[in-house]
Structure formats: structure tokens, C-alpha cells
Amino acid sequence: MKKKKLTIAVTGLNAIDSPGPGVPVIRALRESKYFDVRIIGLSYEALEPGIYMHDLVDKTYQIPFPSTGIDSLLTRLQYINDQENIDLIIPNFDAELFSFIKLVDHLEKKMNIKVFVPTVEQFEERHKVNLDEFGKKHKIKVPYSKMIFSTVEIPALKDQFTYPLVVKGKFYDASVAYTPEQAASYFNKISAKWGLPIIIQQFVHGQEVNVTALGDGKGNTIGAVPMRKTYITDKGKAWAGISISDEKLMSMTKKMIKSSKWRGGLELEIIKTANDDYYLLEINPRFPAWVYFAVGCGQNHPEALVRIAMGEDVKPFKKYDVGKMFVRYSFDMIVDLKEFEKISTLGEL
């Protein structure tokens, strides 16, 4: 079968100790049975390792940080598209996703660039600050949580929570606090990085399991692979994991996607208690950094997303391999300083 040529732009090239999903998404696309891809990397900083992985990324352009607004992003994307004629963009960061969602109509209708991402409503209702209401709406158990805006509110938390509790940023970062003093320390650390509000969530004892999945926007689960973390970094990131068989977990995932009519990739972070109860901790509205593991288990989710975005009829995956493991590793790339200087000064490489 002759592969269709596509130019696909991908963000999230920071393959560091807290890696972005961009590099594994690109690896998945490079192994596609349907597409011959030219990969355009979209970076925010000059030291994102994916920029220099020339066997994976054909060319990289820097784009403005989400905080600069959608107008500056659109201007930059128009320039990049004039050079590359992009067919599809796959954004991979929570913080940037809202901007891309707001630009979907313009990108698709005026620039002929496909973007298969959640709707504004889906993005907002799964937000950490709205997770309680999301759980009630879709009949999913969620740990009790509330927003706070100042450390002054921390002493009163003992009336609603028992320690330990989890202190979370609105986009990223979470730390378990065992005392009010720890909660205040984490509040200051996380809010300084990600802003307010801070989410306080009741800590649930149990085993963490995760699911990477893909919804077609019509209520169908195109793919889903669950895994259990077997090695976790000090930042709480999975450095190793194993694919598991869990019908209850898969049923919960399909129920959520059907009820919300989820559009695009997602990751569910779930705690399974000793009583076999499942509590939804977070919904990440994009593929996780371990999405390439799904490819290794027999489901190429990024490839399926591209097929859906391009208007193809994609049937759900019927199975995945259980008992497969992934182990993440790091290595030193040798990069010519001239490349760093070029991306830093010209914004292209």
C-alpha cells in the first residue's frame, strides 16, 4: 500500500525528566502504516531535546508562549504554514491547548490545517477545578476537592479534609502534604510557577493506574491501553510501567468517553483502592508522554488520530498486548553549538 504524504506539526519536544508527549507522538507517526510524514517541530525553548533529534524531526520552528495570546500564535503559524504547507497540527501541552482550540475554525477553514482536539466545553469541564462537577455529570467517583487562592485558607482545610491531602497546580504539578506547613510550602512553590488557583484534593490511598485513550468525538473509544506504573520519578512521572488487563477500568474509560463524546487523545489518572473502587484524579486532555507504549502494545493512537482528522473512517482497536513493559531511559546527544545559536536567534532549525 502506498503511503499518503503528510506534513504534521507537533509540539511538546521537551524530552526531559518530566517529558512532553511530542517525541513519543512523533515516534508513533514515524511507524505509521498509512502515512509518510514530514515532521515539523514547534518548540518554546531552544533546549528542548526534540529540536536536535534530526532522525525524528525534519525542521523546527519556535512559537510564542501561550501567555502571549492567540494573535501572536496565529501570526507565527501563518508564517510557518507559508513555508511548510502543514496538513495537521498535534498540540501536546495542557497550557497551550486552549489557544489551539480557539483557533480551530480559522486553521481549518482559512489555512486548511486540520486540528483534532477537544471542544472548549470538553476542555473546561474536565479541568481540575471542575472535576467534582465532571464526576457528578458522568457518574464517576472523584476525590473531594476545592480551589484556594491564598495560604490564609489553609488552616481551615482541616474542617473539610483529612491529612494527607494533595496540592495541585491548575495545569501541572502535584505534591502530597502531610501537614498545614507542607501544604503552605507547596502552595507557594506551585502557584509561583503556574499561578492561581491552587486545587486541594483529598488524598486517596490505593494503586495508581493510568489509561491512554482516543475518542472520535461521537462517543466511540477508538483505542485505550491501561498501565500500572512500576517506577516513578521524584516528580511523579512514570519511568517504567506495565500494561494490565482490567475490565472495570476499561469500562470506566469507555463510559466516560461515550458520555462526554470526547474528541481527541486523553490520559486518565486513576486510583484503585483496596476495596476495588476507582477514583478519577485527573483527565489530561491530550496524549501522555508514555503514548508510544500503546504502539508497543498494538494500538497506534497518534496514527489513528491523524486518520480521523483527515476524514477517514477508523474502526476501534479490538485488543492490546497485556504484560508488556516500557522502561524510559536518557542519553546524551552531541549537538553543534551552531544549531543552538540558530534556533535561539532565528527561531528555526
Protein backbone atom coordinates (compact mmCIF):
# COMPACT_ATOMS: atom_id res chain seq x y z
CA MET A 1 0.00 0.00 0.00
CA LYS A 2 1.34 3.40 -0.99
CA LYS A 3 1.58 5.71 2.00
CA LYS A 4 -0.03 9.13 1.86
CA LYS A 5 2.43 12.01 2.30
CA LEU A 6 1.53 14.42 5.10
CA THR A 7 3.25 17.34 6.79
CA ILE A 8 2.43 17.26 10.50
CA ALA A 9 3.42 19.86 13.09
CA VAL A 10 3.92 18.62 16.66
CA THR A 11 4.54 20.45 19.94
CA GLY A 12 5.93 19.07 23.20
CA LEU A 13 9.55 18.41 22.25
CA ASN A 14 10.90 18.66 25.81
CA ALA A 15 12.07 15.06 26.30
CA ILE A 16 13.49 15.79 29.76
CA ASP A 17 12.97 14.21 33.21
CA SER A 18 9.36 15.44 33.04
CA PRO A 19 8.92 14.73 29.34
CA GLY A 20 6.39 16.15 26.94
CA PRO A 21 4.38 13.86 24.64
CA GLY A 22 5.80 15.29 21.41
CA VAL A 23 8.72 12.93 20.84
CA PRO A 24 6.71 9.72 21.52
CA VAL A 25 3.89 11.03 19.30
CA ILE A 26 6.44 11.57 16.52
CA ARG A 27 7.90 8.09 17.03
CA ALA A 28 4.41 6.66 16.65
CA LEU A 29 3.81 8.62 13.44
CA ARG A 30 7.15 7.53 12.01
CA GLU A 31 5.93 3.93 12.35
CA SER A 32 2.61 4.59 10.61
CA LYS A 33 1.38 2.05 8.08
CA TYR A 34 -0.72 4.66 6.32
CA PHE A 35 1.34 7.87 6.21
CA ASP A 36 4.74 9.04 5.06
CA VAL A 37 5.21 12.00 7.36
CA ARG A 38 7.32 15.12 7.30
CA ILE A 39 7.52 16.31 10.89
CA ILE A 40 7.63 19.99 11.79
CA GLY A 41 8.58 20.55 15.42
CA LEU A 42 7.04 23.50 17.27
CA SER A 43 9.17 24.48 20.25
CA TYR A 44 9.03 27.07 23.02
CA GLU A 45 12.62 26.94 24.24
CA ALA A 46 15.94 26.40 22.50
CA LEU A 47 16.98 23.49 24.75
CA GLU A 48 14.05 21.19 24.04
CA PRO A 49 15.85 17.95 23.08
CA GLY A 50 13.43 17.06 20.28
CA ILE A 51 14.70 20.02 18.29
CA TYR A 52 18.00 18.25 17.76
CA MET A 53 16.63 14.76 17.05
CA HIS A 54 17.02 15.09 13.30
CA ASP A 55 16.07 11.47 12.63
CA LEU A 56 12.63 12.27 14.06
CA VAL A 57 12.09 15.99 13.40
CA ASP A 58 12.65 17.36 9.90
CA LYS A 59 12.54 21.04 10.84
CA THR A 60 11.72 23.03 13.97
CA TYR A 61 10.22 26.48 14.45
CA GLN A 62 9.90 28.30 17.73
CA ILE A 63 6.42 29.55 18.61
CA PRO A 64 5.38 32.12 21.23
CA PHE A 65 4.45 31.06 24.75
CA PRO A 66 0.71 30.66 25.41
CA SER A 67 0.79 33.67 27.73
CA THR A 68 1.35 35.97 24.74
CA GLY A 69 -2.15 35.24 23.40
CA ILE A 70 -3.67 33.64 20.33
CA ASP A 71 -2.98 36.52 17.93
CA SER A 72 0.79 36.14 18.18
CA LEU A 73 0.43 32.35 17.87
CA LEU A 74 -1.71 32.70 14.76
CA THR A 75 0.73 35.12 13.16
CA ARG A 76 3.59 32.69 13.74
CA LEU A 77 1.59 29.70 12.46
CA GLN A 78 0.72 31.61 9.29
CA TYR A 79 4.41 32.22 8.64
CA ILE A 80 5.29 28.56 9.30
CA ASN A 81 2.46 27.34 7.11
CA ASP A 82 3.64 29.55 4.23
CA GLN A 83 6.99 27.76 4.43
CA GLU A 84 5.80 24.20 5.06
CA ASN A 85 2.17 23.80 3.89
CA ILE A 86 1.09 21.97 7.04
CA ASP A 87 -1.67 19.34 6.85
CA LEU A 88 -2.22 18.79 10.57
CA ILE A 89 -1.12 20.16 13.95
CA ILE A 90 -0.97 17.97 17.07
CA PRO A 91 -0.64 20.13 20.23
CA ASN A 92 0.60 18.21 23.27
CA PHE A 93 0.61 20.62 26.23
CA ASP A 94 -2.32 21.43 28.51
CA ALA A 95 -1.26 25.08 28.80
CA GLU A 96 -1.25 25.65 25.02
CA LEU A 97 -4.33 23.62 24.18
CA PHE A 98 -6.91 26.33 24.83
CA SER A 99 -5.21 28.61 22.30
CA PHE A 100 -5.26 25.91 19.62
CA ILE A 101 -8.89 25.07 20.41
CA LYS A 102 -9.86 28.71 19.90
CA LEU A 103 -8.02 28.73 16.56
CA VAL A 104 -9.52 25.50 15.16
CA ASP A 105 -12.05 27.19 12.88
CA HIS A 106 -9.50 29.63 11.47
CA LEU A 107 -6.85 26.96 10.96
CA GLU A 108 -9.20 24.52 9.27
CA LYS A 109 -11.31 26.90 7.17
CA LYS A 110 -8.79 29.56 6.20
CA MET A 111 -5.46 27.72 6.32
CA ASN A 112 -6.58 24.16 5.51
CA ILE A 113 -4.80 22.80 8.59
CA LYS A 114 -6.58 20.02 10.48
CA VAL A 115 -6.61 20.08 14.29
CA PHE A 116 -8.33 17.23 16.14
CA VAL A 117 -8.65 18.42 19.73
CA PRO A 118 -11.35 18.56 22.42
CA THR A 119 -14.07 21.21 22.23
CA VAL A 120 -13.94 24.23 24.52
CA GLU A 121 -16.70 22.68 26.64
CA GLN A 122 -14.84 19.37 27.00
CA PHE A 123 -11.59 21.13 27.83
CA GLU A 124 -13.21 23.30 30.50
CA GLU A 125 -15.41 20.70 32.20
CA ARG A 126 -12.55 18.22 32.72
CA HIS A 127 -10.36 20.92 34.23
CA LYS A 128 -9.03 20.16 37.70
CA VAL A 129 -11.07 22.99 39.18
CA ASN A 130 -14.26 21.49 37.69
CA LEU A 131 -13.53 17.81 38.27
CA ASP A 132 -16.13 17.44 41.03
CA GLU A 133 -18.92 18.55 38.71
CA PHE A 134 -17.50 16.42 35.91
CA GLY A 135 -17.67 13.34 38.14
CA LYS A 136 -21.28 14.04 39.10
CA LYS A 137 -22.31 14.67 35.50
CA HIS A 138 -20.72 11.49 34.15
CA LYS A 139 -21.32 9.35 37.26
CA ILE A 140 -17.63 8.79 38.03
CA LYS A 141 -16.11 8.81 41.51
CA VAL A 142 -13.82 11.77 42.11
CA PRO A 143 -11.93 12.67 45.31
CA TYR A 144 -13.35 15.73 47.04
CA SER A 145 -11.51 18.91 46.08
CA LYS A 146 -11.73 22.67 46.29
CA MET A 147 -9.94 25.73 44.96
CA ILE A 148 -7.99 28.08 47.19
CA PHE A 149 -6.37 31.40 46.37
CA SER A 150 -4.24 32.12 49.44
CA THR A 151 -2.26 30.35 52.14
CA VAL A 152 -4.59 32.10 54.59
CA GLU A 153 -7.21 29.48 53.63
CA ILE A 154 -5.01 26.51 54.55
CA PRO A 155 -5.66 26.33 58.34
CA ALA A 156 -9.41 25.95 57.70
CA LEU A 157 -8.87 22.97 55.38
CA LYS A 158 -8.89 20.64 58.41
CA ASP A 159 -12.66 21.18 58.62
CA GLN A 160 -13.17 19.68 55.15
CA PHE A 161 -10.14 17.44 54.58
CA THR A 162 -8.05 14.94 56.49
CA TYR A 163 -4.28 14.90 56.07
CA PRO A 164 -2.54 13.90 53.91
CA LEU A 165 -4.02 15.93 51.09
CA VAL A 166 -2.84 16.75 47.58
CA VAL A 167 -1.84 20.25 46.50
CA LYS A 168 -2.19 20.71 42.73
CA GLY A 169 -1.41 23.38 40.17
CA LYS A 170 -4.08 24.35 37.67
CA PHE A 171 -2.01 22.98 34.78
CA TYR A 172 0.78 20.80 36.20
CA ASP A 173 2.46 19.68 39.40
CA ALA A 174 1.06 17.93 42.45
CA SER A 175 2.52 17.24 45.87
CA VAL A 176 1.20 15.31 48.87
CA ALA A 177 1.13 17.42 52.04
CA TYR A 178 1.06 15.77 55.46
CA THR A 179 0.84 18.97 57.48
CA PRO A 180 -0.55 22.50 57.01
CA GLU A 181 3.02 23.78 56.87
CA GLN A 182 3.81 21.47 53.97
CA ALA A 183 0.59 22.50 52.23
CA ALA A 184 1.60 26.17 52.51
CA SER A 185 5.07 25.42 51.15
CA TYR A 186 3.68 23.52 48.15
CA PHE A 187 1.09 26.25 47.58
CA ASN A 188 3.81 28.88 47.25
CA LYS A 189 6.03 26.71 45.08
CA ILE A 190 3.32 25.62 42.64
CA SER A 191 1.48 28.96 42.43
CA ALA A 192 4.75 30.74 41.67
CA LYS A 193 5.15 28.52 38.63
CA TRP A 194 1.59 28.03 37.39
CA GLY A 195 -0.43 30.78 39.02
CA LEU A 196 -3.75 30.63 40.85
CA PRO A 197 -5.98 28.95 41.80
CA ILE A 198 -4.42 26.03 43.63
CA ILE A 199 -6.51 22.88 43.90
CA ILE A 200 -6.68 20.97 47.16
CA GLN A 201 -7.74 17.35 46.69
CA GLN A 202 -8.38 14.65 49.25
CA PHE A 203 -5.65 12.02 49.18
CA VAL A 204 -6.95 8.55 48.26
CA HIS A 205 -4.97 5.51 49.34
CA GLY A 206 -4.53 2.91 46.65
CA GLN A 207 -2.68 1.92 43.49
CA GLU A 208 -2.37 4.42 40.66
CA VAL A 209 -3.33 3.20 37.21
CA ASN A 210 -3.35 5.21 34.00
CA VAL A 211 -5.06 4.93 30.64
CA THR A 212 -4.06 6.47 27.34
CA ALA A 213 -7.05 6.65 25.03
CA LEU A 214 -8.54 8.21 21.91
CA GLY A 215 -12.13 9.35 21.37
CA ASP A 216 -13.63 10.08 17.96
CA GLY A 217 -15.89 12.92 19.12
CA LYS A 218 -19.01 10.83 18.59
CA GLY A 219 -18.83 8.80 21.80
CA ASN A 220 -16.71 5.94 20.46
CA THR A 221 -13.47 4.81 22.09
CA ILE A 222 -11.11 4.18 19.18
CA GLY A 223 -8.30 2.94 21.40
CA ALA A 224 -7.43 2.53 25.06
CA VAL A 225 -4.42 0.97 26.80
CA PRO A 226 -4.18 0.86 30.62
CA MET A 227 -0.93 0.57 32.53
CA ARG A 228 0.38 0.45 36.07
CA LYS A 229 3.45 2.47 36.97
CA THR A 230 6.31 0.31 38.20
CA TYR A 231 8.87 3.08 38.66
CA ILE A 232 8.06 6.68 39.48
CA THR A 233 10.41 9.69 39.49
CA ASP A 234 10.50 12.27 42.26
CA LYS A 235 8.22 14.37 40.04
CA GLY A 236 5.65 11.59 39.97
CA LYS A 237 6.32 10.67 36.34
CA ALA A 238 6.27 7.08 35.14
CA TRP A 239 9.78 5.92 34.28
CA ALA A 240 8.60 2.34 33.82
CA GLY A 241 5.21 0.68 33.53
CA ILE A 242 3.39 -2.49 32.58
CA SER A 243 0.23 -2.96 30.52
CA ILE A 244 -2.56 -4.57 32.52
CA SER A 245 -5.89 -6.29 32.00
CA ASP A 246 -8.67 -4.54 33.91
CA GLU A 247 -12.19 -4.77 32.55
CA LYS A 248 -13.62 -2.41 35.18
CA LEU A 249 -11.04 0.23 34.30
CA MET A 250 -11.68 -0.16 30.57
CA SER A 251 -15.44 0.04 31.13
CA MET A 252 -14.97 3.26 33.13
CA THR A 253 -12.86 4.74 30.31
CA LYS A 254 -15.37 3.87 27.58
CA LYS A 255 -18.24 5.14 29.71
CA MET A 256 -16.53 8.50 30.20
CA ILE A 257 -15.68 8.88 26.51
CA LYS A 258 -19.21 7.91 25.46
CA SER A 259 -20.86 10.23 27.97
CA SER A 260 -18.65 13.23 27.16
CA LYS A 261 -18.27 12.45 23.43
CA TRP A 262 -14.58 13.12 23.93
CA ARG A 263 -12.73 14.40 20.87
CA GLY A 264 -9.02 13.56 20.58
CA GLY A 265 -6.38 11.97 22.76
CA LEU A 266 -6.52 11.88 26.54
CA GLU A 267 -4.99 10.33 29.63
CA LEU A 268 -6.91 9.23 32.70
CA GLU A 269 -5.13 9.18 36.06
CA ILE A 270 -6.99 6.88 38.43
CA ILE A 271 -6.56 5.43 41.91
CA LYS A 272 -7.74 1.87 42.52
CA THR A 273 -8.43 1.31 46.23
CA ALA A 274 -8.13 -1.89 48.26
CA ASN A 275 -11.94 -2.13 48.05
CA ASP A 276 -11.76 -2.17 44.25
CA ASP A 277 -13.19 1.33 43.95
CA TYR A 278 -11.88 3.59 41.19
CA TYR A 279 -11.38 7.32 41.74
CA LEU A 280 -10.61 9.65 38.85
CA LEU A 281 -7.78 12.00 39.83
CA GLU A 282 -7.24 13.85 36.56
CA ILE A 283 -8.13 13.92 32.89
CA ASN A 284 -5.24 15.17 30.79
CA PRO A 285 -6.76 16.47 27.52
CA ARG A 286 -4.01 15.15 25.24
CA PHE A 287 -1.81 12.11 24.78
CA PRO A 288 0.52 11.29 27.71
CA ALA A 289 4.29 11.15 27.45
CA TRP A 290 4.06 7.34 27.53
CA VAL A 291 1.73 7.13 24.49
CA TYR A 292 4.37 5.26 22.48
CA PHE A 293 3.82 2.37 24.89
CA ALA A 294 0.36 1.97 23.31
CA VAL A 295 2.08 1.46 19.95
CA GLY A 296 4.22 -1.26 21.53
CA CYS A 297 1.04 -2.90 22.81
CA GLY A 298 -0.55 -2.95 19.35
CA GLN A 299 -2.51 0.33 19.24
CA ASN A 300 -1.06 3.31 17.39
CA HIS A 301 -3.18 6.11 18.85
CA PRO A 302 -1.41 9.07 17.16
CA GLU A 303 -1.76 7.37 13.77
CA ALA A 304 -5.47 6.76 14.43
CA LEU A 305 -5.92 10.41 15.45
CA VAL A 306 -4.37 11.54 12.15
CA ARG A 307 -6.67 9.21 10.19
CA ILE A 308 -9.75 10.59 11.95
CA ALA A 309 -8.59 14.18 11.46
CA MET A 310 -8.10 13.56 7.76
CA GLY A 311 -11.68 12.30 7.43
CA GLU A 312 -11.09 8.56 7.31
CA ASP A 313 -13.46 6.02 8.84
CA VAL A 314 -11.46 4.49 11.69
CA LYS A 315 -12.64 1.36 13.46
CA PRO A 316 -11.88 0.86 17.17
CA PHE A 317 -8.92 -1.30 18.14
CA LYS A 318 -10.17 -4.64 19.41
CA LYS A 319 -7.25 -5.67 21.61
CA TYR A 320 -3.89 -4.77 23.08
CA ASP A 321 -0.99 -6.79 24.49
CA VAL A 322 -1.09 -7.37 28.24
CA GLY A 323 2.14 -7.84 30.18
CA LYS A 324 4.29 -5.59 28.01
CA MET A 325 6.66 -3.23 29.81
CA PHE A 326 8.22 0.08 28.98
CA VAL A 327 11.36 1.43 30.59
CA ARG A 328 12.30 5.04 29.90
CA TYR A 329 15.95 6.00 29.51
CA SER A 330 18.08 9.08 28.92
CA PHE A 331 21.20 9.61 26.86
CA ASP A 332 23.49 12.45 25.88
CA MET A 333 23.05 13.95 22.42
CA ILE A 334 26.04 15.72 20.95
CA VAL A 335 24.85 18.96 19.36
CA ASP A 336 26.82 21.52 17.41
CA LEU A 337 26.68 24.90 19.13
CA LYS A 338 25.82 26.49 15.78
CA GLU A 339 22.49 24.66 15.82
CA PHE A 340 21.66 26.03 19.26
CA GLU A 341 22.64 29.52 18.13
CA LYS A 342 20.46 29.24 15.01
CA ILE A 343 17.29 28.17 16.82
CA SER A 344 17.95 30.79 19.52
CA THR A 345 18.48 33.71 17.14
CA LEU A 346 16.44 32.84 14.04
CA GLY A 347 13.75 30.71 15.67
CA GLU A 348 14.22 27.97 13.05
CA LEU A 349 16.37 24.89 12.64
